[in-house]
Protein backbone atom coordinates (compact mmCIF):
# COMPACT_ATOMS: atom_id res chain seq x y z
CA MET A 1 41.88 59.36 -254.62
CA LYS A 2 42.11 59.96 -258.37
CA LYS A 3 42.16 63.78 -257.91
CA THR A 4 44.89 63.42 -255.27
CA LEU A 5 47.02 61.38 -257.68
CA ILE A 6 46.53 63.95 -260.48
CA LEU A 7 47.54 66.75 -258.11
CA ALA A 8 50.67 64.86 -257.05
CA ILE A 9 51.69 64.34 -260.69
CA ALA A 10 51.08 68.03 -261.49
CA LEU A 11 53.26 69.12 -258.58
CA ALA A 12 55.98 66.71 -259.66
CA ILE A 13 56.26 68.12 -263.18
CA LEU A 14 56.31 71.69 -261.80
CA ALA A 15 59.40 70.96 -259.69
CA LEU A 16 62.19 73.39 -260.43
CA PRO A 17 65.54 72.19 -261.78
CA ILE A 18 68.84 72.81 -260.10
CA VAL A 19 70.30 75.92 -261.75
CA ALA A 20 74.07 75.72 -261.96
CA GLU A 21 74.90 79.11 -263.43
CA ASP A 22 73.19 82.10 -265.04
CA TRP A 23 74.41 84.83 -267.37
CA ILE A 24 72.62 88.05 -268.27
CA THR A 25 73.59 90.40 -271.09
CA ILE A 26 71.64 93.67 -270.93
CA TYR A 27 71.34 96.01 -273.90
CA ASN A 28 70.35 99.69 -273.86
CA ASP A 29 66.86 99.36 -275.32
CA ASP A 30 64.73 97.21 -272.95
CA LEU A 31 66.34 94.02 -274.25
CA SER A 32 68.34 91.33 -272.46
CA LEU A 33 69.73 87.90 -273.23
CA VAL A 34 69.26 85.43 -270.35
CA ARG A 35 71.21 82.19 -270.38
CA GLY A 36 71.35 79.46 -267.75
CA ASN A 37 72.78 75.97 -267.26
CA PHE A 38 70.83 73.49 -265.14
CA GLU A 39 70.16 69.80 -264.58
CA LEU A 40 66.88 67.89 -264.90
CA GLU A 41 66.10 64.56 -263.29
CA LEU A 42 64.34 62.68 -266.08
CA GLU A 43 62.95 59.27 -266.87
CA ALA A 44 63.91 57.44 -270.04
CA GLY A 45 61.64 58.19 -273.01
CA LEU A 46 58.95 60.81 -273.62
CA GLN A 47 57.78 62.98 -270.71
CA ASP A 48 56.38 66.43 -269.90
CA TYR A 49 58.16 69.11 -267.92
CA ASN A 50 56.92 72.55 -266.85
CA PHE A 51 59.71 75.11 -266.45
CA ASP A 52 58.55 78.32 -264.79
CA ASP A 53 61.86 79.89 -263.74
CA ILE A 54 61.60 82.44 -266.56
CA SER A 55 60.84 86.13 -266.85
CA SER A 56 57.29 87.34 -267.44
CA ARG A 57 58.59 89.48 -270.33
CA ILE A 58 60.11 86.54 -272.21
CA ASP A 59 60.08 86.69 -276.02
CA ALA A 60 58.89 83.11 -276.52
CA PRO A 61 60.07 82.61 -280.16
CA THR A 62 63.67 83.32 -279.06
CA VAL A 63 63.84 80.38 -276.61
CA ILE A 64 66.71 77.96 -277.30
CA VAL A 65 67.10 74.74 -275.29
CA ARG A 66 70.36 72.79 -275.68
CA SER A 67 71.20 69.39 -274.27
CA LEU A 68 74.79 69.66 -273.04
CA ASP A 69 75.32 65.89 -273.01
CA GLY A 70 73.30 65.13 -276.15
CA GLY A 71 70.92 62.93 -274.20
CA VAL A 72 67.75 65.04 -274.32
CA ARG A 73 65.66 66.26 -277.24
CA VAL A 74 62.79 68.77 -277.07
CA ALA A 75 59.93 67.22 -279.04
CA GLU A 76 57.51 70.11 -278.37
CA GLN A 77 57.51 73.43 -276.57
CA ASN A 78 54.57 75.62 -275.51
CA TYR A 79 54.70 78.99 -273.84
CA GLU A 80 51.87 79.06 -271.28
CA TYR A 81 50.86 82.55 -270.21
CA ASP A 82 47.12 82.20 -269.48
CA LEU A 83 47.76 82.79 -265.79
CA ALA A 84 45.29 81.76 -263.16
CA GLY A 85 43.18 84.69 -261.97
CA LYS A 86 39.60 85.37 -261.02
CA ARG A 87 38.41 86.54 -264.44
CA GLN A 88 40.30 83.84 -266.32
CA ILE A 89 39.03 81.03 -264.09
CA ILE A 90 35.40 82.20 -264.11
CA ALA A 91 35.51 82.55 -267.91
CA LYS A 92 36.33 78.83 -268.09
CA TYR A 93 33.24 78.08 -265.98
CA LEU A 94 30.63 79.43 -268.39
CA ASP A 95 27.82 76.85 -268.82
CA ARG A 96 29.10 74.90 -265.82
CA GLU A 97 27.64 74.54 -262.36
CA VAL A 98 28.69 77.03 -259.68
CA GLU A 99 27.68 77.72 -256.09
CA LEU A 100 27.50 81.30 -254.75
CA PHE A 101 26.97 82.65 -251.24
CA THR A 102 25.90 86.25 -250.87
CA LYS A 103 26.73 88.60 -248.02
CA ASP A 104 23.15 88.39 -246.73
CA GLY A 105 23.44 84.59 -246.42
CA GLU A 106 21.59 83.53 -249.59
CA ARG A 107 22.86 80.44 -251.39
CA VAL A 108 22.55 80.13 -255.18
CA ILE A 109 23.35 76.96 -257.15
CA GLY A 110 23.06 76.84 -260.93
CA THR A 111 24.66 77.15 -264.33
CA LEU A 112 26.87 80.22 -264.87
CA LYS A 113 25.76 81.98 -268.07
CA PHE A 114 27.80 85.17 -267.90
CA PHE A 115 30.25 87.18 -265.82
CA ASP A 116 31.04 90.76 -266.89
CA THR A 117 33.32 91.62 -263.90
CA THR A 118 30.46 93.48 -262.19
CA SER A 119 27.81 90.77 -261.95
CA TYR A 120 27.09 87.04 -262.34
CA GLY A 121 24.24 85.62 -264.38
CA VAL A 122 23.15 82.18 -263.10
CA ILE A 123 20.34 79.88 -264.29
CA GLU A 124 19.11 78.58 -260.93
CA LYS A 125 19.09 74.83 -260.55
CA GLY A 126 15.50 73.50 -260.37
CA SER A 127 13.60 76.75 -261.01
CA GLN A 128 15.56 77.63 -264.23
CA ARG A 129 15.21 81.32 -263.30
CA LEU A 130 17.95 83.71 -264.40
CA ILE A 131 19.43 85.27 -261.27
CA VAL A 132 21.75 88.26 -261.63
CA ILE A 133 23.98 88.85 -258.61
CA ALA A 134 26.30 91.85 -258.21
CA ASP A 135 29.93 90.83 -257.79
CA SER A 136 30.21 93.17 -254.79
CA GLN A 137 27.50 91.13 -253.01
CA VAL A 138 29.19 87.74 -253.49
CA GLN A 139 30.96 86.60 -250.37
CA LEU A 140 31.96 83.11 -251.53
CA LEU A 141 32.12 81.36 -254.89
CA LYS A 142 32.53 77.59 -255.03
CA LEU A 143 33.82 75.81 -258.13
CA ALA A 144 34.25 72.09 -258.56
CA GLU A 145 37.91 72.30 -259.55
CA LEU A 146 40.59 74.49 -261.09
CA PRO A 147 40.21 74.34 -264.87
CA THR A 148 43.04 72.70 -266.76
CA ASN A 149 45.85 74.58 -268.52
CA PHE A 150 46.14 77.27 -265.88
CA TYR A 151 49.47 78.40 -264.49
CA THR A 152 50.38 80.67 -261.60
CA LYS A 153 53.50 81.91 -263.45
CA PRO A 154 54.54 82.19 -267.11
CA THR A 155 55.69 78.69 -267.97
CA LEU A 156 57.52 76.81 -270.71
CA HIS A 157 55.83 73.44 -271.18
CA TRP A 158 58.21 70.94 -272.74
CA SER A 159 57.75 67.45 -274.14
CA LEU A 160 61.19 65.94 -273.61
CA ILE A 161 62.71 62.71 -274.90
CA ALA A 162 65.57 61.40 -272.74
CA ASN A 163 67.82 58.58 -273.88
CA LYS A 164 68.18 57.29 -270.32
CA ALA A 165 66.95 57.91 -266.79
CA GLY A 166 68.96 60.21 -264.56
CA LYS A 167 70.29 63.75 -264.43
CA HIS A 168 70.78 65.59 -267.70
CA PRO A 169 72.56 68.98 -268.10
CA LEU A 170 70.77 71.52 -270.29
CA GLN A 171 71.19 75.14 -271.29
CA LEU A 172 68.30 77.57 -271.77
CA SER A 173 68.63 80.98 -273.42
CA TYR A 174 66.04 83.57 -274.41
CA LEU A 175 65.56 87.27 -275.08
CA THR A 176 63.40 89.24 -272.68
CA GLY A 177 62.25 92.74 -271.86
CA GLY A 178 62.12 94.17 -268.36
CA LEU A 179 65.86 94.49 -267.71
CA SER A 180 67.49 97.80 -268.56
CA TRP A 181 70.57 99.81 -267.77
CA ASP A 182 71.74 103.36 -268.15
CA VAL A 183 74.63 105.44 -266.91
CA SER A 184 74.57 108.40 -264.56
CA TYR A 185 77.63 110.63 -264.55
CA ASN A 186 78.42 112.96 -261.66
CA ALA A 187 81.09 115.60 -262.15
CA ILE A 188 82.76 118.32 -260.07
CA TRP A 189 83.94 121.32 -262.12
CA ASP A 190 86.70 123.68 -260.96
CA GLU A 191 86.89 125.69 -264.23
CA GLU A 192 89.89 123.64 -265.41
CA THR A 193 89.28 120.01 -264.47
CA LEU A 194 86.16 117.88 -264.51
CA ALA A 195 86.27 115.16 -261.82
CA LEU A 196 83.94 112.62 -263.40
CA ASN A 197 82.58 109.43 -261.84
CA SER A 198 80.06 107.12 -263.47
CA TRP A 199 77.42 104.77 -262.11
CA VAL A 200 75.47 102.09 -263.91
CA THR A 201 71.82 101.94 -262.87
CA ILE A 202 70.21 98.55 -263.59
CA LYS A 203 66.46 98.04 -263.30
CA ASN A 204 64.90 94.60 -263.09
CA GLN A 205 61.20 94.70 -263.96
CA SER A 206 61.22 91.34 -265.72
CA GLY A 207 59.03 89.44 -263.25
CA LYS A 208 61.93 87.19 -262.17
CA SER A 209 64.72 87.37 -259.62
CA PHE A 210 68.28 86.43 -260.55
CA GLU A 211 70.81 85.07 -258.07
CA ASP A 212 74.61 85.17 -258.49
CA VAL A 213 74.65 85.83 -262.21
CA THR A 214 77.48 86.84 -264.52
CA LEU A 215 76.56 90.30 -265.81
CA LYS A 216 77.45 91.88 -269.14
CA LEU A 217 76.29 95.23 -270.49
CA ILE A 218 76.28 96.14 -274.19
CA ALA A 219 76.55 99.81 -275.17
CA GLY A 220 75.34 100.59 -278.69
CA ASP A 221 72.21 100.63 -280.80
CA ILE A 222 71.11 97.11 -281.74
CA ASN A 223 68.87 96.86 -284.81
CA ARG A 224 65.54 95.28 -283.88
CA ILE A 225 62.17 94.61 -285.47
CA ARG A 226 59.68 96.44 -283.26
CA GLU A 227 56.78 94.54 -281.73
CA GLU A 228 54.38 95.45 -278.95
CA TYR A 229 55.01 93.69 -275.65
CA ASP A 230 52.00 92.12 -273.96
CA PHE A 231 50.24 92.69 -270.65
CA TYR A 232 53.38 92.37 -268.54
CA ALA A 233 55.13 95.27 -270.25
CA LYS A 234 52.23 97.59 -269.48
CA ASN A 235 51.57 96.74 -265.85
CA ILE A 236 54.75 97.64 -263.98
CA ARG A 237 53.89 99.68 -260.95
CA TYR A 238 56.29 99.14 -258.10
CA MET A 239 60.02 99.53 -257.64
CA ASP A 240 62.33 98.97 -254.67
CA VAL A 241 65.64 100.84 -254.56
CA ALA A 242 68.75 99.04 -253.33
CA MET A 243 72.10 100.76 -253.33
CA GLY A 244 75.39 99.81 -251.84
CA ALA A 245 78.80 98.28 -252.46
CA GLU A 246 80.70 95.26 -251.21
CA SER A 247 84.40 95.05 -250.44
CA PRO A 248 86.25 94.81 -252.71
CA ALA A 249 84.03 96.97 -254.88
CA PRO A 250 82.87 95.30 -258.09
CA SER A 251 84.23 96.81 -261.28
CA PHE A 252 83.56 96.50 -265.01
CA GLU A 253 86.05 95.36 -267.64
CA GLU A 254 85.45 97.18 -270.94
CA LYS A 255 86.26 95.84 -274.40
CA ALA A 256 85.17 96.35 -278.00
CA PHE A 257 82.64 93.74 -279.14
CA HIS A 258 81.57 93.64 -282.80
CA ASP A 259 80.40 97.22 -283.48
CA PHE A 260 79.55 97.86 -279.84
CA HIS A 261 81.25 98.01 -276.45
CA MET A 262 80.86 95.37 -273.75
CA TYR A 263 81.22 95.85 -270.01
CA THR A 264 81.65 92.68 -267.91
CA LEU A 265 81.31 92.81 -264.13
CA ASP A 266 84.17 91.04 -262.32
CA GLN A 267 81.88 89.65 -259.58
CA LYS A 268 78.62 87.73 -259.45
CA VAL A 269 75.59 89.90 -258.82
CA SER A 270 71.97 89.30 -257.77
CA PHE A 271 68.81 91.16 -258.79
CA ALA A 272 65.49 90.93 -257.00
CA ASN A 273 62.41 91.47 -259.12
CA ASN A 274 61.33 95.15 -259.21
CA GLN A 275 64.72 96.23 -257.86
CA THR A 276 67.01 99.04 -258.97
CA LYS A 277 70.73 98.46 -258.39
CA GLN A 278 73.68 100.82 -258.88
CA LEU A 279 77.25 99.78 -259.65
CA GLU A 280 80.31 101.88 -260.42
CA LEU A 281 81.24 101.84 -264.11
CA TYR A 282 84.59 103.69 -263.98
CA PRO A 283 86.53 105.08 -261.04
CA THR A 284 86.77 108.88 -260.90
CA GLN A 285 88.46 110.40 -263.96
CA ASN A 286 90.09 113.85 -263.74
CA ILE A 287 89.51 115.36 -267.17
CA LYS A 288 91.02 118.51 -268.67
CA ALA A 289 88.09 120.55 -269.98
CA GLU A 290 87.23 124.12 -270.93
CA GLN A 291 84.36 126.51 -270.36
CA VAL A 292 82.83 127.89 -273.56
CA TYR A 293 79.82 130.07 -274.35
CA GLU A 294 77.71 129.64 -277.47
CA TYR A 295 74.90 131.68 -278.93
CA PRO A 296 72.96 129.91 -281.71
CA ILE A 297 71.49 132.66 -283.91
CA TRP A 298 67.74 132.84 -283.22
CA GLY A 299 68.38 131.16 -279.86
CA ASP A 300 66.84 132.41 -276.62
CA GLY A 301 70.08 132.82 -274.69
CA VAL A 302 73.82 132.20 -274.45
CA LYS A 303 74.58 128.60 -273.56
CA SER A 304 77.09 127.79 -270.84
CA ILE A 305 79.00 124.69 -271.99
CA ILE A 306 81.77 122.54 -270.50
CA LYS A 307 83.66 120.86 -273.33
CA PHE A 308 86.38 118.19 -273.50
CA LYS A 309 87.84 115.75 -276.00
CA ASN A 310 87.64 112.10 -274.96
CA THR A 311 91.36 111.32 -275.11
CA GLU A 312 93.93 109.76 -272.77
CA ALA A 313 95.93 113.00 -272.94
CA ASN A 314 92.95 114.76 -271.38
CA GLY A 315 92.67 112.14 -268.63
CA ILE A 316 90.02 109.78 -270.00
CA GLY A 317 90.07 108.13 -273.50
CA LYS A 318 87.36 105.59 -272.62
CA PRO A 319 84.14 104.77 -274.48
CA LEU A 320 81.32 106.60 -272.70
CA PRO A 321 77.85 104.99 -272.91
CA LYS A 322 74.95 107.38 -273.32
CA GLY A 323 73.56 108.79 -270.10
CA LYS A 324 72.89 111.86 -268.00
CA ILE A 325 75.71 114.04 -266.63
CA ARG A 326 75.10 116.13 -263.53
CA VAL A 327 77.64 118.83 -262.78
CA TYR A 328 78.49 120.35 -259.40
CA MET A 329 80.82 123.16 -258.36
CA GLN A 330 82.38 123.99 -255.01
CA ASP A 331 81.30 127.26 -253.43
CA SER A 332 83.46 129.51 -251.21
CA ASP A 333 82.01 127.75 -248.15
CA ASP A 334 83.42 124.41 -249.46
CA ASN A 335 79.96 123.05 -250.22
CA LEU A 336 79.14 121.54 -253.59
CA GLU A 337 76.33 123.22 -255.50
CA PHE A 338 74.48 121.78 -258.49
CA ILE A 339 75.06 123.87 -261.65
CA GLY A 340 73.26 121.86 -264.35
CA GLU A 341 72.85 118.59 -266.20
CA ASP A 342 72.79 117.30 -269.76
CA ASN A 343 72.48 114.07 -271.73
CA ILE A 344 75.33 112.66 -273.78
CA LYS A 345 75.05 110.12 -276.57
CA HIS A 346 77.31 107.08 -276.98
CA THR A 347 80.76 108.66 -277.31
CA SER A 348 83.82 106.74 -278.45
CA LYS A 349 87.37 107.81 -277.65
CA ASN A 350 88.79 110.82 -279.50
CA GLU A 351 85.32 112.36 -279.87
CA GLU A 352 84.17 115.62 -278.29
CA VAL A 353 81.79 115.86 -275.34
CA ASN A 354 79.71 118.99 -274.80
CA ILE A 355 77.84 119.45 -271.53
CA THR A 356 75.35 122.30 -271.57
CA THR A 357 74.85 123.32 -267.94
CA GLY A 358 72.40 126.16 -268.62
CA LYS A 359 72.23 129.73 -269.93
CA ALA A 360 74.68 132.38 -268.82
CA PHE A 361 72.80 134.88 -266.64
CA ASP A 362 75.03 137.90 -267.40
CA LEU A 363 75.48 137.29 -271.13
CA VAL A 364 72.71 138.67 -273.32
CA ALA A 365 72.26 138.09 -277.06
CA SER A 366 69.68 138.94 -279.70
CA THR A 367 69.33 138.68 -283.50
CA LEU A 368 67.81 141.07 -286.01
CA VAL A 369 67.39 140.84 -289.81
CA LYS A 370 68.08 144.10 -291.71
CA ASP A 371 68.26 145.36 -295.29
CA ILE A 372 66.66 142.56 -297.30
CA LYS A 373 67.51 143.07 -300.99
CA ASP A 374 66.16 141.43 -304.13
CA LEU A 375 69.07 141.26 -306.60
CA GLY A 376 67.01 139.69 -309.42
CA LYS A 377 67.45 136.37 -311.21
CA LYS A 378 66.43 134.46 -308.08
CA VAL A 379 69.15 136.05 -305.94
CA SER A 380 68.57 137.90 -302.67
CA GLU A 381 70.64 139.21 -299.79
CA ARG A 382 69.98 140.14 -296.19
CA ASP A 383 72.03 141.55 -293.33
CA ILE A 384 71.91 139.61 -290.08
CA GLN A 385 72.78 141.63 -286.97
CA VAL A 386 73.72 139.95 -283.69
CA THR A 387 74.03 142.03 -280.52
CA LEU A 388 76.08 140.62 -277.62
CA ARG A 389 76.30 142.17 -274.14
CA ASN A 390 78.50 141.10 -271.25
CA ASN A 391 77.14 142.31 -267.88
CA SER A 392 79.65 140.35 -265.83
CA SER A 393 82.94 141.57 -264.32
CA GLU A 394 85.12 139.31 -266.53
CA SER A 395 85.93 139.25 -270.24
CA LYS A 396 83.98 136.50 -272.04
CA ALA A 397 84.48 134.77 -275.38
CA ILE A 398 81.16 133.96 -277.06
CA ASN A 399 80.91 131.72 -280.12
CA VAL A 400 78.08 132.84 -282.37
CA ILE A 401 76.77 129.79 -284.25
CA TYR A 402 74.93 129.88 -287.56
CA THR A 403 74.19 127.03 -290.02
CA LEU A 404 74.07 127.97 -293.69
CA GLY A 405 71.59 126.39 -296.06
CA SER A 406 72.74 124.51 -299.17
CA ASN A 407 71.98 127.52 -301.40
CA THR A 408 73.29 130.27 -299.09
CA ARG A 409 76.72 131.80 -298.43
CA ILE A 410 78.26 134.68 -296.52
CA THR A 411 79.43 137.50 -298.79
CA GLU A 412 80.58 140.06 -296.22
CA VAL A 413 81.33 140.41 -292.52
CA LYS A 414 81.52 143.95 -291.15
CA ASP A 415 84.10 145.26 -288.62
CA GLY A 416 86.62 142.54 -289.47
CA HIS A 417 85.10 139.72 -287.42
CA GLU A 418 86.56 136.36 -288.45
CA TYR A 419 84.69 133.10 -288.82
CA SER A 420 85.19 129.43 -289.66
CA MET A 421 82.91 126.87 -291.27
CA ASP A 422 82.94 123.07 -290.84
CA THR A 423 81.91 120.35 -293.30
CA ASN A 424 78.29 120.56 -292.10
CA ARG A 425 78.19 124.26 -293.10
CA LYS A 426 78.08 125.32 -289.47
CA VAL A 427 79.61 128.79 -289.16
CA ARG A 428 81.33 129.90 -285.96
CA PHE A 429 82.11 133.54 -285.12
CA PRO A 430 84.39 133.82 -282.04
CA ILE A 431 83.55 137.15 -280.39
CA GLN A 432 85.39 138.55 -277.36
CA VAL A 433 83.18 140.77 -275.18
CA GLU A 434 84.76 142.84 -272.43
CA PRO A 435 83.09 143.44 -269.03
CA ASP A 436 80.07 145.76 -269.14
CA ALA A 437 80.49 146.09 -272.91
CA GLN A 438 78.49 145.43 -276.07
CA VAL A 439 79.60 144.03 -279.43
CA ILE A 440 77.54 144.05 -282.63
CA LEU A 441 78.24 141.44 -285.28
CA THR A 442 76.77 142.07 -288.75
CA PHE A 443 77.21 139.84 -291.80
CA THR A 444 75.56 139.59 -295.20
CA GLU A 445 73.97 136.33 -296.36
CA ARG A 446 73.28 135.71 -300.04
CA THR A 447 70.65 133.19 -301.18
CA GLU A 448 70.53 131.85 -304.75
CA TYR A 449 67.45 129.87 -305.77
């Protein structure tokens, strides 16, 4: 009767509260802020409450509990994460009596002295013999009871003081890992316009499901003190994929927030644990862009790049969170073909976006150092020769890129080729190469030590 009463009390304090509303703010770097309002039915005075509607990746020191009516105070809080499992339970039974049944029907009763996951060591009751039994041979293990302080889920154990009996509204917030988001951009290129759409991919590997939450995404790099996550961060194995859209389609409202950008979804959204969900970030943007070719000196090929400036005049002018861009192009049979992909960093408006789709097949480039000269007094010169060939049927403009060191400068460029240099000492030689033609660029670099 006493054990039945204890069990009833335990089940009572594990009862879940009524959750009124949840908010989730997800950052880029495996970090989220979870906040929820709920009510608890409490007695007057001091009492215990076990709250297990939390993520398994919770950062316990960040937990904040607020009483919304001022009637509840948290006297003590413990984060319980010693979850009930075979090894954990058996470890609590060392030097206690156990009863084992083997697959061949033998029954062993005695004091458990060790368990190393492969075998049990039991001092047999009566004979006091040490009996070692392989775990694989044990068909049934009987224990007197479940040891105390075990939980089936990560749990916040609170000691609460209520000023009166009844329902009390509270708010819980905490930081957690396990929720992440990134952006996938898909673009169709017609050699003048880039039709760009963007999808947010949200992964929930937090160990908790969320129903009808208000969702916010923060784009930017938050400064954090790095710490290793525990067991739960290292044991994520399964993922379900769920894609789709409701009518009307949910959309994000973007705004500047502190030194970052915030995207708020205009509808409630739900996330099952171990689920991946995709939502549209922006509707399709038709962006004016240009095709450029670049050859970094000492590179292994000529890069094919689609470039645009992130401005309203070019058809966009929106902050672009970091993500992967995949580019497609329509063939003569009206089918879209994949032509390459690249990553972009966080890009604010008015900044340039470069998408490297690959290396140009018909454009060939190579670099050679010639005529190294020692001019004395820690001064030397060398001629750098770049050979460019265009094996295609169209004229191509190739930008030859070279970054000067802090103690180097260009003293001469042969054949009248022009160049420009930016504030980072990156030199750009624009070279026009006609079809089936070759151009040789030679310049002299002086180094002063």
